[in-house]
Amino acid sequence: MAKQGKENKFSYLAAIKQLLDPLYTRLEKIDGKIRGEKINESTYYYRNEDLKKLFGLSNNTIIKYRQTGILPYTKLGDIYLYEAIKIKKILSENEQ
């Protein structure tokens, strides 16, 4: 029973961390703009949820883009990360 309690706490903390990480990154970016510093975009990564919110993509579309090589990614465990600068480059190359 104690092991299950630890697993529940760990999954709860992991879920909170997943929600807070993008907020911390955005706050750092805002802070840098306020201070007049330029934040290197290549250190910022989008997650699946970010792509869905920002670009209106579905899970299936994101998966298809990854599998066909349209969308470059890095995988850490079960989390897919998409480098912001690469996304920006893809968008600018396909701009009409």
PDB file of N, CA and C in Angstrom:
ATOM      1  N   MET A   1       0.825  -1.187   0.000  1.00  0.00           N
ATOM      2  CA  MET A   1       0.000   0.000   0.000  1.00  0.00           C
ATOM      3  C   MET A   1       0.872   1.254   0.000  1.00  0.00           C
ATOM      4  N   ALA A   2       1.980   1.210   0.732  1.00  0.00           N
ATOM      5  CA  ALA A   2       2.861   2.374   0.798  1.00  0.00           C
ATOM      6  C   ALA A   2       3.511   2.625  -0.556  1.00  0.00           C
ATOM      7  N   LYS A   3       3.827   1.553  -1.282  1.00  0.00           N
ATOM      8  CA  LYS A   3       4.441   1.695  -2.604  1.00  0.00           C
ATOM      9  C   LYS A   3       3.468   2.363  -3.568  1.00  0.00           C
ATOM     10  N   GLN A   4       2.210   1.982  -3.496  1.00  0.00           N
ATOM     11  CA  GLN A   4       1.201   2.576  -4.374  1.00  0.00           C
ATOM     12  C   GLN A   4       1.015   4.056  -4.043  1.00  0.00           C
ATOM     13  N   GLY A   5       1.095   4.405  -2.773  1.00  0.00           N
ATOM     14  CA  GLY A   5       0.994   5.802  -2.365  1.00  0.00           C
ATOM     15  C   GLY A   5       2.137   6.628  -2.921  1.00  0.00           C
ATOM     16  N   LYS A   6       3.342   6.062  -2.907  1.00  0.00           N
ATOM     17  CA  LYS A   6       4.514   6.752  -3.471  1.00  0.00           C
ATOM     18  C   LYS A   6       4.365   6.936  -4.972  1.00  0.00           C
ATOM     19  N   GLU A   7       3.843   5.908  -5.655  1.00  0.00           N
ATOM     20  CA  GLU A   7       3.641   6.001  -7.103  1.00  0.00           C
ATOM     21  C   GLU A   7       2.615   7.078  -7.436  1.00  0.00           C
ATOM     22  N   ASN A   8       1.554   7.159  -6.637  1.00  0.00           N
ATOM     23  CA  ASN A   8       0.536   8.185  -6.858  1.00  0.00           C
ATOM     24  C   ASN A   8       1.112   9.586  -6.649  1.00  0.00           C
ATOM     25  N   LYS A   9       1.936   9.735  -5.613  1.00  0.00           N
ATOM     26  CA  LYS A   9       2.574  11.030  -5.354  1.00  0.00           C
ATOM     27  C   LYS A   9       3.516  11.394  -6.488  1.00  0.00           C
ATOM     28  N   PHE A  10       4.285  10.405  -6.978  1.00  0.00           N
ATOM     29  CA  PHE A  10       5.225  10.655  -8.068  1.00  0.00           C
ATOM     30  C   PHE A  10       4.489  11.059  -9.340  1.00  0.00           C
ATOM     31  N   SER A  11       3.413  10.355  -9.683  1.00  0.00           N
ATOM     32  CA  SER A  11       2.668  10.697 -10.903  1.00  0.00           C
ATOM     33  C   SER A  11       1.999  12.061 -10.753  1.00  0.00           C
ATOM     34  N   TYR A  12       1.551  12.378  -9.561  1.00  0.00           N
ATOM     35  CA  TYR A  12       0.956  13.691  -9.299  1.00  0.00           C
ATOM     36  C   TYR A  12       1.989  14.799  -9.466  1.00  0.00           C
ATOM     37  N   LEU A  13       3.180  14.595  -8.891  1.00  0.00           N
ATOM     38  CA  LEU A  13       4.252  15.587  -9.017  1.00  0.00           C
ATOM     39  C   LEU A  13       4.730  15.713 -10.467  1.00  0.00           C
ATOM     40  N   ALA A  14       4.793  14.603 -11.174  1.00  0.00           N
ATOM     41  CA  ALA A  14       5.208  14.646 -12.575  1.00  0.00           C
ATOM     42  C   ALA A  14       4.195  15.428 -13.408  1.00  0.00           C
ATOM     43  N   ALA A  15       2.912  15.247 -13.112  1.00  0.00           N
ATOM     44  CA  ALA A  15       1.867  15.980 -13.840  1.00  0.00           C
ATOM     45  C   ALA A  15       1.956  17.479 -13.550  1.00  0.00           C
ATOM     46  N   ILE A  16       2.199  17.839 -12.311  1.00  0.00           N
ATOM     47  CA  ILE A  16       2.339  19.258 -11.957  1.00  0.00           C
ATOM     48  C   ILE A  16       3.572  19.845 -12.634  1.00  0.00           C
ATOM     49  N   LYS A  17       4.675  19.110 -12.634  1.00  0.00           N
ATOM     50  CA  LYS A  17       5.899  19.586 -13.293  1.00  0.00           C
ATOM     51  C   LYS A  17       5.660  19.796 -14.780  1.00  0.00           C
ATOM     52  N   GLN A  18       4.943  18.881 -15.406  1.00  0.00           N
ATOM     53  CA  GLN A  18       4.646  18.992 -16.834  1.00  0.00           C
ATOM     54  C   GLN A  18       3.820  20.241 -17.120  1.00  0.00           C
ATOM     55  N   LEU A  19       2.935  20.602 -16.215  1.00  0.00           N
ATOM     56  CA  LEU A  19       2.133  21.810 -16.395  1.00  0.00           C
ATOM     57  C   LEU A  19       2.943  23.081 -16.143  1.00  0.00           C
ATOM     58  N   LEU A  20       3.861  23.023 -15.194  1.00  0.00           N
ATOM     59  CA  LEU A  20       4.602  24.219 -14.809  1.00  0.00           C
ATOM     60  C   LEU A  20       5.808  24.523 -15.699  1.00  0.00           C
ATOM     61  N   ASP A  21       6.435  23.508 -16.295  1.00  0.00           N
ATOM     62  CA  ASP A  21       7.630  23.734 -17.116  1.00  0.00           C
ATOM     63  C   ASP A  21       7.407  24.754 -18.235  1.00  0.00           C
ATOM     64  N   PRO A  22       6.342  24.631 -19.039  1.00  0.00           N
ATOM     65  CA  PRO A  22       6.141  25.649 -20.078  1.00  0.00           C
ATOM     66  C   PRO A  22       5.907  27.047 -19.504  1.00  0.00           C
ATOM     67  N   LEU A  23       5.272  27.113 -18.346  1.00  0.00           N
ATOM     68  CA  LEU A  23       5.037  28.419 -17.717  1.00  0.00           C
ATOM     69  C   LEU A  23       6.346  29.058 -17.281  1.00  0.00           C
ATOM     70  N   TYR A  24       7.232  28.267 -16.682  1.00  0.00           N
ATOM     71  CA  TYR A  24       8.535  28.783 -16.267  1.00  0.00           C
ATOM     72  C   TYR A  24       9.321  29.300 -17.470  1.00  0.00           C
ATOM     73  N   THR A  25       9.286  28.542 -18.555  1.00  0.00           N
ATOM     74  CA  THR A  25      10.014  28.955 -19.757  1.00  0.00           C
ATOM     75  C   THR A  25       9.458  30.259 -20.298  1.00  0.00           C
ATOM     76  N   ARG A  26       8.150  30.369 -20.342  1.00  0.00           N
ATOM     77  CA  ARG A  26       7.525  31.611 -20.828  1.00  0.00           C
ATOM     78  C   ARG A  26       7.830  32.786 -19.903  1.00  0.00           C
ATOM     79  N   LEU A  27       7.808  32.538 -18.603  1.00  0.00           N
ATOM     80  CA  LEU A  27       8.127  33.606 -17.664  1.00  0.00           C
ATOM     81  C   LEU A  27       9.575  34.063 -17.806  1.00  0.00           C
ATOM     82  N   GLU A  28      10.489  33.121 -18.040  1.00  0.00           N
ATOM     83  CA  GLU A  28      11.887  33.492 -18.258  1.00  0.00           C
ATOM     84  C   GLU A  28      12.024  34.342 -19.514  1.00  0.00           C
ATOM     85  N   LYS A  29      11.282  33.989 -20.549  1.00  0.00           N
ATOM     86  CA  LYS A  29      11.316  34.740 -21.794  1.00  0.00           C
ATOM     87  C   LYS A  29      10.777  36.160 -21.576  1.00  0.00           C
ATOM     88  N   ILE A  30       9.683  36.278 -20.848  1.00  0.00           N
ATOM     89  CA  ILE A  30       9.101  37.595 -20.543  1.00  0.00           C
ATOM     90  C   ILE A  30      10.063  38.415 -19.703  1.00  0.00           C
ATOM     91  N   ASP A  31      10.653  37.780 -18.706  1.00  0.00           N
ATOM     92  CA  ASP A  31      11.626  38.467 -17.849  1.00  0.00           C
ATOM     93  C   ASP A  31      12.810  38.979 -18.668  1.00  0.00           C
ATOM     94  N   GLY A  32      13.282  38.151 -19.592  1.00  0.00           N
ATOM     95  CA  GLY A  32      14.381  38.567 -20.453  1.00  0.00           C
ATOM     96  C   GLY A  32      14.014  39.758 -21.318  1.00  0.00           C
ATOM     97  N   LYS A  33      12.785  39.767 -21.826  1.00  0.00           N
ATOM     98  CA  LYS A  33      12.336  40.897 -22.640  1.00  0.00           C
ATOM     99  C   LYS A  33      12.247  42.167 -21.807  1.00  0.00           C
ATOM    100  N   ILE A  34      11.785  42.031 -20.590  1.00  0.00           N
ATOM    101  CA  ILE A  34      11.689  43.188 -19.703  1.00  0.00           C
ATOM    102  C   ILE A  34      13.076  43.741 -19.403  1.00  0.00           C
ATOM    103  N   ARG A  35      14.028  42.848 -19.197  1.00  0.00           N
ATOM    104  CA  ARG A  35      15.395  43.267 -18.885  1.00  0.00           C
ATOM    105  C   ARG A  35      16.184  43.650 -20.136  1.00  0.00           C
ATOM    106  N   GLY A  36      15.607  43.418 -21.296  1.00  0.00           N
ATOM    107  CA  GLY A  36      16.281  43.762 -22.542  1.00  0.00           C
ATOM    108  C   GLY A  36      17.263  42.717 -23.015  1.00  0.00           C
ATOM    109  N   GLU A  37      17.193  41.521 -22.446  1.00  0.00           N
ATOM    110  CA  GLU A  37      18.079  40.435 -22.851  1.00  0.00           C
ATOM    111  C   GLU A  37      17.380  39.620 -23.936  1.00  0.00           C
ATOM    112  N   LYS A  38      18.167  39.068 -24.814  1.00  0.00           N
ATOM    113  CA  LYS A  38      17.603  38.175 -25.824  1.00  0.00           C
ATOM    114  C   LYS A  38      17.804  36.737 -25.375  1.00  0.00           C
ATOM    115  N   ILE A  39      16.715  36.007 -25.295  1.00  0.00           N
ATOM    116  CA  ILE A  39      16.767  34.605 -24.901  1.00  0.00           C
ATOM    117  C   ILE A  39      16.987  33.769 -26.163  1.00  0.00           C
ATOM    118  N   ASN A  40      17.892  32.841 -26.100  1.00  0.00           N
ATOM    119  CA  ASN A  40      18.176  31.977 -27.233  1.00  0.00           C
ATOM    120  C   ASN A  40      16.995  31.036 -27.443  1.00  0.00           C
ATOM    121  N   GLU A  41      16.313  31.161 -28.596  1.00  0.00           N
ATOM    122  CA  GLU A  41      15.133  30.351 -28.862  1.00  0.00           C
ATOM    123  C   GLU A  41      15.452  28.870 -28.987  1.00  0.00           C
ATOM    124  N   SER A  42      16.681  28.552 -29.339  1.00  0.00           N
ATOM    125  CA  SER A  42      17.006  27.137 -29.515  1.00  0.00           C
ATOM    126  C   SER A  42      16.973  26.381 -28.189  1.00  0.00           C
ATOM    127  N   THR A  43      16.973  27.089 -27.092  1.00  0.00           N
ATOM    128  CA  THR A  43      16.893  26.419 -25.795  1.00  0.00           C
ATOM    129  C   THR A  43      15.440  26.201 -25.377  1.00  0.00           C
ATOM    130  N   TYR A  44      14.508  26.694 -26.175  1.00  0.00           N
ATOM    131  CA  TYR A  44      13.091  26.520 -25.856  1.00  0.00           C
ATOM    132  C   TYR A  44      12.521  25.388 -26.693  1.00  0.00           C
ATOM    133  N   TYR A  45      11.779  24.519 -26.055  1.00  0.00           N
ATOM    134  CA  TYR A  45      11.170  23.392 -26.739  1.00  0.00           C
ATOM    135  C   TYR A  45       9.661  23.425 -26.548  1.00  0.00           C
ATOM    136  N   TYR A  46       8.950  23.043 -27.600  1.00  0.00           N
ATOM    137  CA  TYR A  46       7.505  22.859 -27.507  1.00  0.00           C
ATOM    138  C   TYR A  46       7.237  21.403 -27.183  1.00  0.00           C
ATOM    139  N   ARG A  47       6.096  21.175 -26.554  1.00  0.00           N
ATOM    140  CA  ARG A  47       5.614  19.815 -26.323  1.00  0.00           C
ATOM    141  C   ARG A  47       4.391  19.614 -27.198  1.00  0.00           C
ATOM    142  N   ASN A  48       3.858  18.398 -27.210  1.00  0.00           N
ATOM    143  CA  ASN A  48       2.673  18.111 -28.021  1.00  0.00           C
ATOM    144  C   ASN A  48       1.530  19.071 -27.698  1.00  0.00           C
ATOM    145  N   GLU A  49       1.296  19.299 -26.421  1.00  0.00           N
ATOM    146  CA  GLU A  49       0.210  20.183 -26.014  1.00  0.00           C
ATOM    147  C   GLU A  49       0.412  21.601 -26.542  1.00  0.00           C
ATOM    148  N   ASP A  50       1.656  22.067 -26.555  1.00  0.00           N
ATOM    149  CA  ASP A  50       1.956  23.403 -27.078  1.00  0.00           C
ATOM    150  C   ASP A  50       1.621  23.479 -28.560  1.00  0.00           C
ATOM    151  N   LEU A  51       2.014  22.456 -29.322  1.00  0.00           N
ATOM    152  CA  LEU A  51       1.738  22.436 -30.757  1.00  0.00           C
ATOM    153  C   LEU A  51       0.241  22.408 -31.026  1.00  0.00           C
ATOM    154  N   LYS A  52      -0.485  21.659 -30.203  1.00  0.00           N
ATOM    155  CA  LYS A  52      -1.942  21.593 -30.380  1.00  0.00           C
ATOM    156  C   LYS A  52      -2.578  22.947 -30.123  1.00  0.00           C
ATOM    157  N   LYS A  53      -2.144  23.634 -29.071  1.00  0.00           N
ATOM    158  CA  LYS A  53      -2.722  24.934 -28.724  1.00  0.00           C
ATOM    159  C   LYS A  53      -2.304  26.028 -29.703  1.00  0.00           C
ATOM    160  N   LEU A  54      -1.012  26.074 -30.035  1.00  0.00           N
ATOM    161  CA  LEU A  54      -0.491  27.150 -30.881  1.00  0.00           C
ATOM    162  C   LEU A  54      -0.926  27.033 -32.334  1.00  0.00           C
ATOM    163  N   PHE A  55      -0.925  25.801 -32.859  1.00  0.00           N
ATOM    164  CA  PHE A  55      -1.159  25.615 -34.285  1.00  0.00           C
ATOM    165  C   PHE A  55      -2.439  24.866 -34.614  1.00  0.00           C
ATOM    166  N   GLY A  56      -3.174  24.451 -33.591  1.00  0.00           N
ATOM    167  CA  GLY A  56      -4.438  23.753 -33.826  1.00  0.00           C
ATOM    168  C   GLY A  56      -4.254  22.366 -34.416  1.00  0.00           C
ATOM    169  N   LEU A  57      -3.148  21.716 -34.122  1.00  0.00           N
ATOM    170  CA  LEU A  57      -2.877  20.376 -34.645  1.00  0.00           C
ATOM    171  C   LEU A  57      -3.527  19.320 -33.753  1.00  0.00           C
ATOM    172  N   SER A  58      -3.923  18.226 -34.371  1.00  0.00           N
ATOM    173  CA  SER A  58      -4.453  17.103 -33.592  1.00  0.00           C
ATOM    174  C   SER A  58      -3.314  16.157 -33.245  1.00  0.00           C
ATOM    175  N   ASN A  59      -3.580  15.235 -32.322  1.00  0.00           N
ATOM    176  CA  ASN A  59      -2.571  14.232 -31.956  1.00  0.00           C
ATOM    177  C   ASN A  59      -2.139  13.431 -33.177  1.00  0.00           C
ATOM    178  N   ASN A  60      -3.121  13.022 -33.993  1.00  0.00           N
ATOM    179  CA  ASN A  60      -2.808  12.208 -35.168  1.00  0.00           C
ATOM    180  C   ASN A  60      -1.941  12.966 -36.172  1.00  0.00           C
ATOM    181  N   THR A  61      -2.203  14.246 -36.347  1.00  0.00           N
ATOM    182  CA  THR A  61      -1.402  15.054 -37.271  1.00  0.00           C
ATOM    183  C   THR A  61       0.028  15.169 -36.779  1.00  0.00           C
ATOM    184  N   ILE A  62       0.199  15.409 -35.492  1.00  0.00           N
ATOM    185  CA  ILE A  62       1.544  15.508 -34.912  1.00  0.00           C
ATOM    186  C   ILE A  62       2.301  14.195 -35.111  1.00  0.00           C
ATOM    187  N   ILE A  63       1.640  13.081 -34.859  1.00  0.00           N
ATOM    188  CA  ILE A  63       2.257  11.766 -35.037  1.00  0.00           C
ATOM    189  C   ILE A  63       2.651  11.560 -36.504  1.00  0.00           C
ATOM    190  N   LYS A  64       1.747  11.897 -37.403  1.00  0.00           N
ATOM    191  CA  LYS A  64       2.027  11.732 -38.839  1.00  0.00           C
ATOM    192  C   LYS A  64       3.214  12.595 -39.262  1.00  0.00           C
ATOM    193  N   TYR A  65       3.263  13.833 -38.795  1.00  0.00           N
ATOM    194  CA  TYR A  65       4.379  14.729 -39.133  1.00  0.00           C
ATOM    195  C   TYR A  65       5.708  14.200 -38.583  1.00  0.00           C
ATOM    196  N   ARG A  66       5.675  13.605 -37.395  1.00  0.00           N
ATOM    197  CA  ARG A  66       6.893  13.008 -36.837  1.00  0.00           C
ATOM    198  C   ARG A  66       7.336  11.822 -37.676  1.00  0.00           C
ATOM    199  N   GLN A  67       6.396  10.938 -38.004  1.00  0.00           N
ATOM    200  CA  GLN A  67       6.723   9.714 -38.726  1.00  0.00           C
ATOM    201  C   GLN A  67       7.219   9.982 -40.141  1.00  0.00           C
ATOM    202  N   THR A  68       6.719  11.031 -40.776  1.00  0.00           N
ATOM    203  CA  THR A  68       7.117  11.337 -42.153  1.00  0.00           C
ATOM    204  C   THR A  68       8.347  12.237 -42.210  1.00  0.00           C
ATOM    205  N   GLY A  69       8.832  12.682 -41.043  1.00  0.00           N
ATOM    206  CA  GLY A  69      10.028  13.511 -41.010  1.00  0.00           C
ATOM    207  C   GLY A  69       9.772  14.990 -41.213  1.00  0.00           C
ATOM    208  N   ILE A  70       8.523  15.383 -41.298  1.00  0.00           N
ATOM    209  CA  ILE A  70       8.186  16.803 -41.456  1.00  0.00           C
ATOM    210  C   ILE A  70       8.525  17.567 -40.188  1.00  0.00           C
ATOM    211  N   LEU A  71       8.281  16.922 -39.061  1.00  0.00           N
ATOM    212  CA  LEU A  71       8.450  17.561 -37.768  1.00  0.00           C
ATOM    213  C   LEU A  71       9.632  16.933 -37.021  1.00  0.00           C
ATOM    214  N   PRO A  72      10.776  17.640 -36.948  1.00  0.00           N
ATOM    215  CA  PRO A  72      11.916  17.086 -36.207  1.00  0.00           C
ATOM    216  C   PRO A  72      11.633  17.111 -34.702  1.00  0.00           C
ATOM    217  N   TYR A  73      12.089  16.095 -34.009  1.00  0.00           N
ATOM    218  CA  TYR A  73      11.789  16.000 -32.574  1.00  0.00           C
ATOM    219  C   TYR A  73      12.916  15.330 -31.820  1.00  0.00           C
ATOM    220  N   THR A  74      12.840  15.490 -30.514  1.00  0.00           N
ATOM    221  CA  THR A  74      13.708  14.797 -29.576  1.00  0.00           C
ATOM    222  C   THR A  74      12.790  14.080 -28.603  1.00  0.00           C
ATOM    223  N   LYS A  75      13.113  12.854 -28.264  1.00  0.00           N
ATOM    224  CA  LYS A  75      12.275  12.096 -27.344  1.00  0.00           C
ATOM    225  C   LYS A  75      13.042  11.846 -26.055  1.00  0.00           C
ATOM    226  N   LEU A  76      12.441  12.253 -24.945  1.00  0.00           N
ATOM    227  CA  LEU A  76      12.992  11.991 -23.614  1.00  0.00           C
ATOM    228  C   LEU A  76      11.970  11.158 -22.854  1.00  0.00           C
ATOM    229  N   GLY A  77      12.254   9.893 -22.726  1.00  0.00           N
ATOM    230  CA  GLY A  77      11.283   9.004 -22.091  1.00  0.00           C
ATOM    231  C   GLY A  77      10.057   8.916 -22.980  1.00  0.00           C
ATOM    232  N   ASP A  78       8.917   9.298 -22.444  1.00  0.00           N
ATOM    233  CA  ASP A  78       7.667   9.300 -23.203  1.00  0.00           C
ATOM    234  C   ASP A  78       7.295  10.687 -23.704  1.00  0.00           C
ATOM    235  N   ILE A  79       8.181  11.648 -23.528  1.00  0.00           N
ATOM    236  CA  ILE A  79       7.880  13.035 -23.891  1.00  0.00           C
ATOM    237  C   ILE A  79       8.585  13.403 -25.186  1.00  0.00           C
ATOM    238  N   TYR A  80       7.809  13.949 -26.113  1.00  0.00           N
ATOM    239  CA  TYR A  80       8.360  14.436 -27.374  1.00  0.00           C
ATOM    240  C   TYR A  80       8.584  15.937 -27.254  1.00  0.00           C
ATOM    241  N   LEU A  81       9.769  16.381 -27.653  1.00  0.00           N
ATOM    242  CA  LEU A  81      10.124  17.796 -27.596  1.00  0.00           C
ATOM    243  C   LEU A  81      10.448  18.275 -29.005  1.00  0.00           C
ATOM    244  N   TYR A  82      10.001  19.497 -29.313  1.00  0.00           N
ATOM    245  CA  TYR A  82      10.200  20.084 -30.625  1.00  0.00           C
ATOM    246  C   TYR A  82      10.906  21.424 -30.442  1.00  0.00           C
ATOM    247  N   GLU A  83      12.110  21.546 -31.000  1.00  0.00           N
ATOM    248  CA  GLU A  83      12.906  22.751 -30.820  1.00  0.00           C
ATOM    249  C   GLU A  83      12.232  23.932 -31.512  1.00  0.00           C
ATOM    250  N   ALA A  84      12.042  25.008 -30.776  1.00  0.00           N
ATOM    251  CA  ALA A  84      11.312  26.176 -31.263  1.00  0.00           C
ATOM    252  C   ALA A  84      11.947  26.762 -32.519  1.00  0.00           C
ATOM    253  N   ILE A  85      13.248  26.840 -32.558  1.00  0.00           N
ATOM    254  CA  ILE A  85      13.930  27.446 -33.707  1.00  0.00           C
ATOM    255  C   ILE A  85      13.703  26.612 -34.973  1.00  0.00           C
ATOM    256  N   LYS A  86      13.634  25.292 -34.838  1.00  0.00           N
ATOM    257  CA  LYS A  86      13.376  24.426 -35.994  1.00  0.00           C
ATOM    258  C   LYS A  86      11.939  24.583 -36.482  1.00  0.00           C
ATOM    259  N   ILE A  87      11.002  24.733 -35.556  1.00  0.00           N
ATOM    260  CA  ILE A  87       9.605  24.953 -35.927  1.00  0.00           C
ATOM    261  C   ILE A  87       9.491  26.282 -36.673  1.00  0.00           C
ATOM    262  N   LYS A  88      10.156  27.296 -36.163  1.00  0.00           N
ATOM    263  CA  LYS A  88      10.136  28.611 -36.789  1.00  0.00           C
ATOM    264  C   LYS A  88      10.715  28.543 -38.209  1.00  0.00           C
ATOM    265  N   LYS A  89      11.786  27.770 -38.374  1.00  0.00           N
ATOM    266  CA  LYS A  89      12.418  27.610 -39.688  1.00  0.00           C
ATOM    267  C   LYS A  89      11.469  26.908 -40.660  1.00  0.00           C
ATOM    268  N   ILE A  90      10.805  25.864 -40.208  1.00  0.00           N
ATOM    269  CA  ILE A  90       9.846  25.138 -41.046  1.00  0.00           C
ATOM    270  C   ILE A  90       8.730  26.079 -41.492  1.00  0.00           C
ATOM    271  N   LEU A  91       8.229  26.874 -40.563  1.00  0.00           N
ATOM    272  CA  LEU A  91       7.152  27.806 -40.890  1.00  0.00           C
ATOM    273  C   LEU A  91       7.601  28.850 -41.904  1.00  0.00           C
ATOM    274  N   SER A  92       8.802  29.382 -41.742  1.00  0.00           N
ATOM    275  CA  SER A  92       9.291  30.410 -42.663  1.00  0.00           C
ATOM    276  C   SER A  92       9.574  29.828 -44.046  1.00  0.00           C
ATOM    277  N   GLU A  93      10.038  28.584 -44.109  1.00  0.00           N
ATOM    278  CA  GLU A  93      10.301  27.936 -45.398  1.00  0.00           C
ATOM    279  C   GLU A  93       9.004  27.661 -46.159  1.00  0.00           C
ATOM    280  N   ASN A  94       7.923  27.451 -45.451  1.00  0.00           N
ATOM    281  CA  ASN A  94       6.643  27.112 -46.084  1.00  0.00           C
ATOM    282  C   ASN A  94       5.679  28.289 -46.139  1.00  0.00           C
ATOM    283  N   GLU A  95       6.191  29.460 -45.851  1.00  0.00           N
ATOM    284  CA  GLU A  95       5.371  30.670 -45.868  1.00  0.00           C
ATOM    285  C   GLU A  95       4.997  31.007 -47.306  1.00  0.00           C
ATOM    286  N   GLN A  96       3.760  31.415 -47.514  1.00  0.00           N
ATOM    287  CA  GLN A  96       3.306  31.757 -48.872  1.00  0.00           C
ATOM    288  C   GLN A  96       3.060  33.223 -49.013  1.00  0.00           C
TER     289      GLN A  96
END
